[in-house]
Structure formats: structure tokens, C-alpha cells
Amino acid sequence: MYQQILLAADGSENSMRAANEALKIAKVSPNCIVTILFVIDIEKVKTEVLHATSIDSLYMERRQKLVPLEQLFETAGINTQVEMIHGTPGPEIVRYANSHDIDLVIIGSRGLNSLQEMVLGSVSHKVMKRVNCPAMIVK
């Protein structure tokens, strides 16, 4: 089955739903490792830095968003690792998945309406179009 699952997560409710689906798959895949990937969006960094008390507190705030996801897998006895990288989310998720031995990418959907999706494009659809392995969008 799937040995290397990449869960693209930002700590939102959408990523928690995606994590629950990743957990279901990981439970039936012996020795599976789930990599929780948090992409620090370079377009939002300037604003976040201006409002943060320190760089360390900003990092800890981002890291705290992933704790519930980690606990979900830890409770189930699933091996996880957390990666935090800088960049534009869609391309960075694709780059990470395509440059590592990832068997499945799981990502939550933000639920954009058709106009928003047409104008903005969604991260999940960008990932689906460019990733070299199977991918799952969780609504």
C-alpha cells in the first residue's frame, strides 16, 4: 500500500479533515510514514513578521498549528515527521512531493466557489495537476 504519505497542512479545519483521511489510509499501511508539510507562504510572511513579537514566537505559533495533527497520528501509533518550508504553497507542495519518495499526497480543499477558483486558482488543484503521484483532495 502507501508507505510515504504527504499531508499538506496549515492547521485549518480543512487540513484536519485531510489528516483524518490520511489517518484512515495510514492505519491499513504497515510501516507507513506520514509527512506533515507546512508551507510558510512567502506572500504572507511580511505581514506576519510585522505583527509578531519575535521571529521565535512566530515560528512557535506556526508550529502550534500542527500539534493537533501530530497528536492525531501519535495516538494511533502512526509514524510522522513535520517539515516546514518557505515558498508559494502550490509549487512547494509539488516540488516536495516530486523530489521525495512520496506515494500519496493528501490536501484539504478550501472550498472556493467557482468564481474565486477561476480567478485565484486553488492550491489543491495546482497540486493535482502537477504532482507525479496519486493525490487526494478532501472536502
N, C-alpha and C. Protein backbone atom coordinates (compact mmCIF):
# COMPACT_ATOMS: atom_id res chain seq x y z
N MET A 1 0.84 -1.18 0.00
CA MET A 1 0.00 0.00 0.00
C MET A 1 0.89 1.25 0.00
N TYR A 2 0.47 2.31 0.60
CA TYR A 2 1.21 3.57 0.63
C TYR A 2 2.17 3.57 1.81
N GLN A 3 3.44 3.77 1.53
CA GLN A 3 4.45 3.82 2.59
C GLN A 3 4.82 5.24 2.98
N GLN A 4 4.76 6.17 2.03
CA GLN A 4 5.11 7.57 2.27
C GLN A 4 3.92 8.44 1.88
N ILE A 5 3.23 8.98 2.86
CA ILE A 5 2.09 9.86 2.62
C ILE A 5 2.50 11.28 2.97
N LEU A 6 2.21 12.21 2.06
CA LEU A 6 2.46 13.62 2.31
C LEU A 6 1.13 14.30 2.60
N LEU A 7 1.02 14.86 3.79
CA LEU A 7 -0.17 15.60 4.19
C LEU A 7 0.19 17.07 4.17
N ALA A 8 -0.36 17.81 3.20
CA ALA A 8 -0.16 19.25 3.14
C ALA A 8 -1.12 19.88 4.13
N ALA A 9 -0.59 20.60 5.11
CA ALA A 9 -1.44 21.10 6.19
C ALA A 9 -1.06 22.52 6.58
N ASP A 10 -2.08 23.25 7.04
CA ASP A 10 -1.85 24.60 7.53
C ASP A 10 -2.49 24.82 8.90
N GLY A 11 -2.99 23.76 9.49
CA GLY A 11 -3.61 23.87 10.80
C GLY A 11 -5.08 24.24 10.76
N SER A 12 -5.64 24.42 9.58
CA SER A 12 -7.04 24.78 9.44
C SER A 12 -7.95 23.56 9.64
N GLU A 13 -9.24 23.83 9.70
CA GLU A 13 -10.21 22.73 9.80
C GLU A 13 -10.14 21.85 8.56
N ASN A 14 -9.89 22.46 7.40
CA ASN A 14 -9.76 21.68 6.17
C ASN A 14 -8.58 20.71 6.25
N SER A 15 -7.49 21.16 6.82
CA SER A 15 -6.33 20.26 6.92
C SER A 15 -6.57 19.19 7.98
N MET A 16 -7.38 19.47 8.98
CA MET A 16 -7.73 18.44 9.97
C MET A 16 -8.59 17.35 9.32
N ARG A 17 -9.51 17.75 8.45
CA ARG A 17 -10.30 16.74 7.72
C ARG A 17 -9.39 15.90 6.83
N ALA A 18 -8.44 16.54 6.18
CA ALA A 18 -7.49 15.81 5.35
C ALA A 18 -6.66 14.85 6.21
N ALA A 19 -6.28 15.31 7.40
CA ALA A 19 -5.50 14.46 8.31
C ALA A 19 -6.29 13.23 8.72
N ASN A 20 -7.57 13.37 8.95
CA ASN A 20 -8.40 12.22 9.31
C ASN A 20 -8.44 11.19 8.19
N GLU A 21 -8.48 11.66 6.96
CA GLU A 21 -8.45 10.72 5.82
C GLU A 21 -7.09 10.07 5.69
N ALA A 22 -6.03 10.86 5.90
CA ALA A 22 -4.68 10.30 5.86
C ALA A 22 -4.50 9.23 6.93
N LEU A 23 -5.10 9.47 8.09
CA LEU A 23 -5.02 8.50 9.18
C LEU A 23 -5.68 7.18 8.79
N LYS A 24 -6.84 7.25 8.17
CA LYS A 24 -7.53 6.03 7.73
C LYS A 24 -6.65 5.21 6.79
N ILE A 25 -5.99 5.88 5.88
CA ILE A 25 -5.13 5.19 4.91
C ILE A 25 -3.88 4.66 5.60
N ALA A 26 -3.29 5.46 6.46
CA ALA A 26 -2.06 5.06 7.15
C ALA A 26 -2.28 3.85 8.06
N LYS A 27 -3.46 3.74 8.64
CA LYS A 27 -3.75 2.62 9.54
C LYS A 27 -3.70 1.27 8.83
N VAL A 28 -4.01 1.25 7.54
CA VAL A 28 -4.00 -0.02 6.81
C VAL A 28 -2.70 -0.23 6.01
N SER A 29 -1.75 0.65 6.22
CA SER A 29 -0.46 0.56 5.54
C SER A 29 0.64 0.35 6.56
N PRO A 30 1.05 -0.90 6.78
CA PRO A 30 2.09 -1.16 7.78
C PRO A 30 3.36 -0.36 7.47
N ASN A 31 3.98 0.14 8.52
CA ASN A 31 5.23 0.91 8.41
C ASN A 31 5.10 2.22 7.62
N CYS A 32 3.91 2.72 7.50
CA CYS A 32 3.67 3.96 6.78
C CYS A 32 4.23 5.14 7.57
N ILE A 33 4.76 6.11 6.86
CA ILE A 33 5.22 7.36 7.46
C ILE A 33 4.42 8.49 6.83
N VAL A 34 3.85 9.33 7.67
CA VAL A 34 3.09 10.48 7.21
C VAL A 34 3.96 11.72 7.45
N THR A 35 4.25 12.43 6.37
CA THR A 35 4.97 13.68 6.47
C THR A 35 3.95 14.80 6.45
N ILE A 36 3.94 15.59 7.51
CA ILE A 36 3.05 16.75 7.59
C ILE A 36 3.86 17.94 7.08
N LEU A 37 3.43 18.49 5.94
CA LEU A 37 4.16 19.58 5.31
C LEU A 37 3.41 20.89 5.49
N PHE A 38 4.07 21.86 6.11
CA PHE A 38 3.52 23.20 6.31
C PHE A 38 4.35 24.14 5.47
N VAL A 39 3.72 24.78 4.48
CA VAL A 39 4.43 25.74 3.64
C VAL A 39 4.16 27.14 4.18
N ILE A 40 5.22 27.81 4.58
CA ILE A 40 5.11 29.18 5.07
C ILE A 40 5.04 30.07 3.84
N ASP A 41 3.85 30.59 3.60
CA ASP A 41 3.56 31.36 2.39
C ASP A 41 4.36 32.65 2.37
N ILE A 42 5.24 32.77 1.38
CA ILE A 42 6.12 33.94 1.31
C ILE A 42 5.35 35.24 1.09
N GLU A 43 4.14 35.15 0.54
CA GLU A 43 3.34 36.35 0.32
C GLU A 43 2.75 36.89 1.63
N LYS A 44 2.66 36.04 2.64
CA LYS A 44 2.08 36.46 3.92
C LYS A 44 3.12 36.73 4.99
N VAL A 45 4.37 36.37 4.73
CA VAL A 45 5.42 36.47 5.73
C VAL A 45 5.64 37.90 6.21
N LYS A 46 5.67 38.86 5.30
CA LYS A 46 5.92 40.25 5.68
C LYS A 46 4.90 40.73 6.70
N THR A 47 3.64 40.47 6.43
CA THR A 47 2.58 40.89 7.34
C THR A 47 2.71 40.19 8.68
N GLU A 48 2.97 38.88 8.66
CA GLU A 48 3.09 38.12 9.89
C GLU A 48 4.26 38.63 10.73
N VAL A 49 5.38 38.92 10.09
CA VAL A 49 6.57 39.40 10.81
C VAL A 49 6.29 40.75 11.46
N LEU A 50 5.58 41.62 10.76
CA LEU A 50 5.26 42.94 11.32
C LEU A 50 4.40 42.84 12.57
N HIS A 51 3.54 41.83 12.63
CA HIS A 51 2.62 41.70 13.76
C HIS A 51 3.14 40.76 14.86
N ALA A 52 4.23 40.10 14.61
CA ALA A 52 4.77 39.16 15.60
C ALA A 52 5.65 39.89 16.61
N THR A 53 5.71 39.34 17.80
CA THR A 53 6.57 39.93 18.83
C THR A 53 8.04 39.56 18.59
N SER A 54 8.26 38.38 18.00
CA SER A 54 9.62 37.96 17.65
C SER A 54 9.53 36.86 16.59
N ILE A 55 10.64 36.61 15.94
CA ILE A 55 10.70 35.55 14.93
C ILE A 55 10.45 34.19 15.59
N ASP A 56 11.00 34.00 16.79
CA ASP A 56 10.81 32.74 17.51
C ASP A 56 9.34 32.52 17.85
N SER A 57 8.66 33.58 18.29
CA SER A 57 7.25 33.43 18.64
C SER A 57 6.41 33.13 17.40
N LEU A 58 6.79 33.71 16.27
CA LEU A 58 6.09 33.45 15.01
C LEU A 58 6.27 31.99 14.60
N TYR A 59 7.50 31.49 14.72
CA TYR A 59 7.76 30.08 14.40
C TYR A 59 6.94 29.17 15.32
N MET A 60 6.94 29.47 16.62
CA MET A 60 6.20 28.65 17.58
C MET A 60 4.69 28.69 17.30
N GLU A 61 4.19 29.84 16.89
CA GLU A 61 2.78 29.97 16.56
C GLU A 61 2.42 29.08 15.38
N ARG A 62 3.27 29.08 14.37
CA ARG A 62 3.05 28.21 13.20
C ARG A 62 3.14 26.74 13.61
N ARG A 63 4.13 26.43 14.40
CA ARG A 63 4.37 25.05 14.83
C ARG A 63 3.21 24.53 15.67
N GLN A 64 2.63 25.41 16.51
CA GLN A 64 1.49 25.02 17.36
C GLN A 64 0.28 24.61 16.53
N LYS A 65 0.13 25.18 15.34
CA LYS A 65 -0.99 24.83 14.47
C LYS A 65 -0.96 23.36 14.06
N LEU A 66 0.23 22.78 14.08
CA LEU A 66 0.38 21.39 13.63
C LEU A 66 0.29 20.38 14.76
N VAL A 67 0.33 20.83 16.00
CA VAL A 67 0.32 19.92 17.15
C VAL A 67 -0.91 19.01 17.16
N PRO A 68 -2.12 19.52 16.93
CA PRO A 68 -3.28 18.61 16.93
C PRO A 68 -3.17 17.52 15.86
N LEU A 69 -2.59 17.86 14.73
CA LEU A 69 -2.41 16.86 13.67
C LEU A 69 -1.42 15.79 14.11
N GLU A 70 -0.31 16.23 14.67
CA GLU A 70 0.69 15.28 15.16
C GLU A 70 0.10 14.36 16.22
N GLN A 71 -0.69 14.93 17.14
CA GLN A 71 -1.29 14.13 18.21
C GLN A 71 -2.26 13.10 17.66
N LEU A 72 -2.98 13.46 16.61
CA LEU A 72 -3.90 12.53 15.97
C LEU A 72 -3.17 11.27 15.52
N PHE A 73 -2.05 11.46 14.85
CA PHE A 73 -1.28 10.31 14.35
C PHE A 73 -0.54 9.59 15.48
N GLU A 74 -0.02 10.34 16.43
CA GLU A 74 0.70 9.76 17.55
C GLU A 74 -0.22 8.83 18.35
N THR A 75 -1.44 9.28 18.60
CA THR A 75 -2.41 8.48 19.35
C THR A 75 -2.70 7.16 18.64
N ALA A 76 -2.69 7.20 17.30
CA ALA A 76 -2.95 5.99 16.52
C ALA A 76 -1.71 5.15 16.29
N GLY A 77 -0.56 5.63 16.75
CA GLY A 77 0.69 4.87 16.59
C GLY A 77 1.27 4.95 15.19
N ILE A 78 0.96 6.02 14.46
CA ILE A 78 1.47 6.20 13.10
C ILE A 78 2.71 7.09 13.14
N ASN A 79 3.76 6.67 12.46
CA ASN A 79 4.99 7.46 12.39
C ASN A 79 4.76 8.73 11.58
N THR A 80 5.21 9.85 12.13
CA THR A 80 5.08 11.13 11.42
C THR A 80 6.38 11.89 11.48
N GLN A 81 6.50 12.81 10.55
CA GLN A 81 7.56 13.80 10.60
C GLN A 81 6.95 15.10 10.12
N VAL A 82 7.47 16.20 10.61
CA VAL A 82 6.96 17.51 10.25
C VAL A 82 8.03 18.26 9.48
N GLU A 83 7.63 18.84 8.37
CA GLU A 83 8.52 19.67 7.57
C GLU A 83 7.87 21.04 7.42
N MET A 84 8.64 22.08 7.66
CA MET A 84 8.16 23.45 7.45
C MET A 84 9.11 24.10 6.45
N ILE A 85 8.55 24.54 5.33
CA ILE A 85 9.37 25.15 4.28
C ILE A 85 8.76 26.48 3.87
N HIS A 86 9.56 27.34 3.27
CA HIS A 86 9.11 28.65 2.80
C HIS A 86 8.84 28.59 1.30
N GLY A 87 7.83 29.33 0.86
CA GLY A 87 7.56 29.42 -0.57
C GLY A 87 6.10 29.66 -0.85
N THR A 88 5.73 29.47 -2.10
CA THR A 88 4.34 29.56 -2.51
C THR A 88 3.75 28.16 -2.36
N PRO A 89 2.65 28.01 -1.61
CA PRO A 89 2.17 26.67 -1.25
C PRO A 89 2.03 25.66 -2.39
N GLY A 90 1.32 25.98 -3.44
CA GLY A 90 1.11 25.00 -4.52
C GLY A 90 2.40 24.45 -5.09
N PRO A 91 3.25 25.32 -5.64
CA PRO A 91 4.51 24.84 -6.22
C PRO A 91 5.43 24.13 -5.22
N GLU A 92 5.44 24.59 -3.97
CA GLU A 92 6.32 23.96 -2.98
C GLU A 92 5.84 22.57 -2.59
N ILE A 93 4.53 22.39 -2.50
CA ILE A 93 3.99 21.05 -2.21
C ILE A 93 4.35 20.11 -3.34
N VAL A 94 4.17 20.57 -4.58
CA VAL A 94 4.50 19.76 -5.76
C VAL A 94 6.00 19.43 -5.77
N ARG A 95 6.83 20.45 -5.54
CA ARG A 95 8.28 20.22 -5.54
C ARG A 95 8.68 19.19 -4.50
N TYR A 96 8.12 19.34 -3.30
CA TYR A 96 8.45 18.41 -2.22
C TYR A 96 8.02 16.99 -2.58
N ALA A 97 6.78 16.85 -3.03
CA ALA A 97 6.25 15.51 -3.37
C ALA A 97 7.05 14.88 -4.49
N ASN A 98 7.39 15.65 -5.51
CA ASN A 98 8.09 15.10 -6.66
C ASN A 98 9.57 14.84 -6.40
N SER A 99 10.15 15.49 -5.40
CA SER A 99 11.57 15.29 -5.13
C SER A 99 11.83 14.30 -3.99
N HIS A 100 10.77 13.85 -3.34
CA HIS A 100 10.89 12.84 -2.29
C HIS A 100 10.16 11.59 -2.76
N ASP A 101 10.28 10.55 -2.04
CA ASP A 101 9.67 9.28 -2.44
C ASP A 101 8.22 9.19 -1.94
N ILE A 102 7.38 10.13 -2.32
CA ILE A 102 6.01 10.20 -1.83
C ILE A 102 5.11 9.31 -2.67
N ASP A 103 4.30 8.49 -2.00
CA ASP A 103 3.37 7.59 -2.68
C ASP A 103 1.99 8.20 -2.85
N LEU A 104 1.62 9.12 -1.95
CA LEU A 104 0.29 9.72 -1.98
C LEU A 104 0.34 11.10 -1.33
N VAL A 105 -0.28 12.08 -1.99
CA VAL A 105 -0.41 13.42 -1.43
C VAL A 105 -1.86 13.61 -1.02
N ILE A 106 -2.07 14.11 0.19
CA ILE A 106 -3.41 14.40 0.67
C ILE A 106 -3.45 15.87 1.08
N ILE A 107 -4.47 16.57 0.58
CA ILE A 107 -4.58 18.00 0.84
C ILE A 107 -6.06 18.35 1.03
N GLY A 108 -6.31 19.29 1.92
CA GLY A 108 -7.67 19.75 2.15
C GLY A 108 -8.07 20.80 1.14
N SER A 109 -9.35 20.87 0.87
CA SER A 109 -9.89 21.87 -0.05
C SER A 109 -10.40 23.06 0.76
N ARG A 110 -10.10 24.25 0.30
CA ARG A 110 -10.58 25.45 0.98
C ARG A 110 -12.05 25.71 0.70
N GLY A 111 -12.58 25.11 -0.35
CA GLY A 111 -13.98 25.31 -0.67
C GLY A 111 -14.26 26.63 -1.36
N LEU A 112 -13.38 27.03 -2.28
CA LEU A 112 -13.62 28.24 -3.05
C LEU A 112 -14.83 28.04 -3.96
N ASN A 113 -15.58 29.11 -4.18
CA ASN A 113 -16.65 29.00 -5.17
C ASN A 113 -16.03 29.04 -6.56
N SER A 114 -16.80 28.78 -7.59
CA SER A 114 -16.23 28.65 -8.93
C SER A 114 -15.57 29.94 -9.42
N LEU A 115 -16.13 31.10 -9.07
CA LEU A 115 -15.52 32.36 -9.49
C LEU A 115 -14.18 32.57 -8.79
N GLN A 116 -14.14 32.35 -7.48
CA GLN A 116 -12.88 32.50 -6.75
C GLN A 116 -11.82 31.56 -7.29
N GLU A 117 -12.24 30.33 -7.57
CA GLU A 117 -11.29 29.33 -8.06
C GLU A 117 -10.76 29.72 -9.43
N MET A 118 -11.65 30.26 -10.30
CA MET A 118 -11.24 30.65 -11.64
C MET A 118 -10.25 31.82 -11.56
N VAL A 119 -10.51 32.79 -10.71
CA VAL A 119 -9.66 33.97 -10.59
C VAL A 119 -8.37 33.66 -9.83
N LEU A 120 -8.50 33.04 -8.68
CA LEU A 120 -7.36 32.80 -7.80
C LEU A 120 -6.64 31.50 -8.10
N GLY A 121 -7.37 30.50 -8.51
CA GLY A 121 -6.82 29.17 -8.61
C GLY A 121 -6.73 28.59 -7.21
N SER A 122 -6.87 27.31 -7.06
CA SER A 122 -6.77 26.74 -5.73
C SER A 122 -5.47 25.97 -5.61
N VAL A 123 -4.93 25.96 -4.40
CA VAL A 123 -3.70 25.23 -4.15
C VAL A 123 -3.91 23.76 -4.47
N SER A 124 -5.04 23.21 -4.04
CA SER A 124 -5.28 21.78 -4.25
C SER A 124 -5.32 21.42 -5.74
N HIS A 125 -5.93 22.26 -6.55
CA HIS A 125 -5.98 21.95 -7.99
C HIS A 125 -4.61 22.12 -8.65
N LYS A 126 -3.83 23.08 -8.19
CA LYS A 126 -2.47 23.24 -8.72
C LYS A 126 -1.64 22.00 -8.40
N VAL A 127 -1.82 21.49 -7.19
CA VAL A 127 -1.09 20.29 -6.77
C VAL A 127 -1.54 19.10 -7.61
N MET A 128 -2.85 18.93 -7.77
CA MET A 128 -3.38 17.79 -8.52
C MET A 128 -2.85 17.75 -9.95
N LYS A 129 -2.71 18.92 -10.56
CA LYS A 129 -2.28 18.97 -11.96
C LYS A 129 -0.80 18.63 -12.12
N ARG A 130 0.01 18.88 -11.10
CA ARG A 130 1.46 18.81 -11.31
C ARG A 130 2.20 17.74 -10.52
N VAL A 131 1.55 17.14 -9.57
CA VAL A 131 2.24 16.14 -8.76
C VAL A 131 2.35 14.82 -9.54
N ASN A 132 3.46 14.10 -9.33
CA ASN A 132 3.72 12.88 -10.09
C ASN A 132 3.18 11.60 -9.45
N CYS A 133 2.52 11.72 -8.33
CA CYS A 133 1.98 10.54 -7.66
C CYS A 133 0.47 10.74 -7.46
N PRO A 134 -0.24 9.71 -7.02
CA PRO A 134 -1.66 9.91 -6.73
C PRO A 134 -1.85 10.99 -5.69
N ALA A 135 -2.97 11.70 -5.79
CA ALA A 135 -3.28 12.77 -4.84
C ALA A 135 -4.76 12.73 -4.50
N MET A 136 -5.07 13.17 -3.30
CA MET A 136 -6.46 13.19 -2.83
C MET A 136 -6.77 14.57 -2.29
N ILE A 137 -7.89 15.14 -2.76
CA ILE A 137 -8.40 16.40 -2.20
C ILE A 137 -9.54 16.03 -1.26
N VAL A 138 -9.48 16.51 -0.05
CA VAL A 138 -10.51 16.22 0.95
C VAL A 138 -11.35 17.46 1.14
N LYS A 139 -12.66 17.30 0.96
CA LYS A 139 -13.59 18.43 1.15
C LYS A 139 -14.13 18.42 2.54
